[in-house]
Amino acid sequence: MLDDPLPSRSHYCLEQGLFDTISPGLNKIKQLSQSFIAPCAALSSFSVHVATRYQTLSATMVFKLYRQNGTDQELLRQVRRNFDHIIDDQWLTFEFERIDEARDQQYVATLSVEPSSAENNIHLWLKLKDLYGLGQMSIEQLKVGSDLQFRLD
């Protein structure tokens, strides 16, 4: 298992384990998102797998979690986190106040890099072919038919 910047967990309620390519650099796009249906009773964190092309980087990232109701989205959680010394192949975790009764609800997680971190070219691992049928990745709200490599807890 790859290193997590926070204390290790032995259980994730969902872990997308397959990847074969990297996303566009988060410094080049406004927002990257992943929709999903929660398989767990509660949610308290979202993690993504980083590719830095063997560089050590720092960045301030913003994570937002929305509940999807048809075409409407309700912002539930927002986390701004500064990451120092991001290394290639690291998992970045965004912890938030627990959401109970999450099972079978549809969510959208969004990630962006603050402009002050724009010089850092951070990429996220993804599976180019859409293997996760319960959601998909979008770049600036354009669905691309791929999935981020992510973990839920």
Protein backbone atom coordinates (compact mmCIF):
# COMPACT_ATOMS: atom_id res chain seq x y z
CA MET A 1 0.00 0.00 0.00
CA LEU A 2 1.24 3.50 -0.79
CA ASP A 3 1.99 6.06 1.89
CA ASP A 4 -0.83 8.28 3.06
CA PRO A 5 0.17 11.68 4.48
CA LEU A 6 -2.12 11.07 7.46
CA PRO A 7 -2.09 8.06 9.82
CA SER A 8 -2.64 4.88 7.85
CA ARG A 9 -6.05 3.31 7.66
CA SER A 10 -6.63 -0.39 7.27
CA HIS A 11 -10.05 -0.01 5.68
CA TYR A 12 -11.54 2.17 2.99
CA CYS A 13 -15.19 1.87 2.06
CA LEU A 14 -14.22 2.37 -1.59
CA GLU A 15 -10.81 2.28 -3.27
CA GLN A 16 -10.39 2.69 -6.99
CA GLY A 17 -7.22 0.69 -7.44
CA LEU A 18 -6.63 0.82 -11.18
CA PHE A 19 -4.81 3.58 -13.03
CA ASP A 20 -2.96 3.93 -16.31
CA THR A 21 -2.48 7.62 -17.07
CA ILE A 22 -2.38 11.04 -15.42
CA SER A 23 -4.78 13.97 -15.49
CA PRO A 24 -3.96 17.35 -16.97
CA GLY A 25 -1.99 19.48 -14.51
CA LEU A 26 -4.25 20.98 -11.86
CA ASN A 27 -2.42 24.26 -12.39
CA LYS A 28 -3.68 24.32 -16.01
CA ILE A 29 -7.39 23.75 -15.34
CA LYS A 30 -9.91 25.42 -13.05
CA GLN A 31 -11.38 22.28 -11.55
CA LEU A 32 -11.29 18.51 -11.75
CA SER A 33 -14.19 16.50 -10.35
CA GLN A 34 -15.27 12.91 -9.73
CA SER A 35 -18.85 11.82 -9.22
CA PHE A 36 -19.61 8.72 -7.17
CA ILE A 37 -22.32 6.89 -5.25
CA ALA A 38 -21.31 6.30 -1.65
CA PRO A 39 -21.13 2.60 -0.73
CA CYS A 40 -20.60 3.38 2.96
CA ALA A 41 -22.94 4.43 5.75
CA ALA A 42 -20.89 7.56 6.47
CA LEU A 43 -18.20 9.64 4.74
CA SER A 44 -15.32 11.43 6.45
CA SER A 45 -12.47 11.61 3.92
CA PHE A 46 -11.62 11.64 0.23
CA SER A 47 -8.12 10.77 -1.04
CA VAL A 48 -6.50 11.11 -4.45
CA HIS A 49 -3.31 9.57 -5.84
CA VAL A 50 -0.77 12.16 -7.02
CA ALA A 51 1.70 12.10 -9.89
CA THR A 52 4.37 14.81 -9.78
CA ARG A 53 6.64 13.41 -12.46
CA TYR A 54 9.34 12.70 -9.85
CA GLN A 55 9.41 16.25 -8.50
CA THR A 56 8.78 17.33 -4.92
CA LEU A 57 6.13 20.04 -4.90
CA SER A 58 4.03 22.10 -2.52
CA ALA A 59 0.52 23.35 -3.14
CA THR A 60 -2.59 24.69 -1.51
CA MET A 61 -5.55 22.65 -2.71
CA VAL A 62 -9.29 23.09 -2.29
CA PHE A 63 -11.60 20.11 -2.01
CA LYS A 64 -15.38 20.51 -2.20
CA LEU A 65 -17.98 17.82 -1.72
CA TYR A 66 -21.46 18.25 -3.18
CA ARG A 67 -24.58 16.12 -2.89
CA GLN A 68 -26.04 15.61 -6.36
CA ASN A 69 -29.86 15.85 -6.57
CA GLY A 70 -30.79 15.50 -10.24
CA THR A 71 -29.23 18.53 -11.88
CA ASP A 72 -28.85 20.42 -8.58
CA GLN A 73 -25.76 20.29 -6.40
CA GLU A 74 -25.70 21.14 -2.69
CA LEU A 75 -22.31 22.06 -1.22
CA LEU A 76 -21.82 19.93 1.91
CA ARG A 77 -18.13 20.28 2.79
CA GLN A 78 -15.15 22.40 1.78
CA VAL A 79 -11.55 21.80 2.83
CA ARG A 80 -8.59 24.03 2.02
CA ARG A 81 -5.34 22.25 2.73
CA ASN A 82 -1.70 23.20 2.27
CA PHE A 83 0.50 20.27 1.28
CA ASP A 84 4.26 20.68 1.70
CA HIS A 85 6.68 18.31 0.00
CA ILE A 86 4.23 16.38 -2.18
CA ILE A 87 6.12 13.48 -3.69
CA ASP A 88 5.36 11.30 -6.66
CA ASP A 89 3.00 8.39 -5.96
CA GLN A 90 1.63 9.92 -2.72
CA TRP A 91 -2.00 9.83 -1.56
CA LEU A 92 -3.42 13.23 -0.53
CA THR A 93 -6.29 13.00 1.95
CA PHE A 94 -8.97 15.58 2.62
CA GLU A 95 -10.68 14.92 5.94
CA PHE A 96 -13.98 16.60 6.74
CA GLU A 97 -16.78 16.53 9.27
CA ARG A 98 -18.50 13.15 9.06
CA ILE A 99 -21.57 12.86 6.84
CA ASP A 100 -23.99 10.27 8.21
CA GLU A 101 -26.57 8.36 6.15
CA ALA A 102 -24.38 8.67 3.05
CA ARG A 103 -24.98 5.20 1.60
CA ASP A 104 -26.43 5.16 -1.93
CA GLN A 105 -26.36 8.97 -2.17
CA GLN A 106 -24.77 10.53 -5.24
CA TYR A 107 -21.90 12.95 -4.65
CA VAL A 108 -19.47 15.05 -6.66
CA ALA A 109 -15.99 15.77 -5.29
CA THR A 110 -14.09 18.69 -6.85
CA LEU A 111 -10.40 19.55 -6.60
CA SER A 112 -8.56 22.69 -7.54
CA VAL A 113 -5.21 24.33 -6.85
CA GLU A 114 -5.13 27.87 -5.49
CA PRO A 115 -3.57 30.44 -7.85
CA SER A 116 -0.61 30.92 -5.52
CA SER A 117 0.34 27.29 -6.30
CA ALA A 118 -0.15 27.67 -10.05
CA GLU A 119 3.52 27.14 -10.91
CA ASN A 120 3.40 23.59 -9.49
CA ASN A 121 2.35 21.02 -12.04
CA ILE A 122 0.42 18.47 -9.95
CA HIS A 123 -1.33 15.63 -11.75
CA LEU A 124 -3.68 12.95 -10.43
CA TRP A 125 -3.69 9.29 -11.44
CA LEU A 126 -6.73 8.10 -13.36
CA LYS A 127 -8.03 5.20 -15.38
CA LEU A 128 -8.47 6.34 -18.96
CA LYS A 129 -11.25 3.84 -19.63
CA ASP A 130 -14.34 4.32 -17.45
CA LEU A 131 -14.37 1.18 -15.29
CA TYR A 132 -16.28 2.68 -12.35
CA GLY A 133 -19.85 2.64 -13.60
CA LEU A 134 -21.28 4.66 -10.72
CA GLY A 135 -19.55 7.93 -11.56
CA GLN A 136 -16.99 9.62 -13.74
CA MET A 137 -14.36 12.29 -13.87
CA SER A 138 -14.98 15.73 -15.33
CA ILE A 139 -12.59 18.49 -16.27
CA GLU A 140 -14.18 21.92 -15.83
CA GLN A 141 -17.63 20.22 -15.96
CA LEU A 142 -16.87 18.38 -19.22
CA LYS A 143 -17.35 14.64 -18.68
CA VAL A 144 -14.37 12.78 -20.11
CA GLY A 145 -15.35 9.13 -19.60
CA SER A 146 -12.50 8.39 -17.18
CA ASP A 147 -12.21 7.94 -13.42
CA LEU A 148 -9.80 9.33 -10.86
CA GLN A 149 -8.00 6.90 -8.65
CA PHE A 150 -9.62 7.74 -5.31
CA ARG A 151 -10.42 6.39 -1.84
CA LEU A 152 -13.39 7.03 0.40
CA ASP A 153 -13.60 6.60 4.11
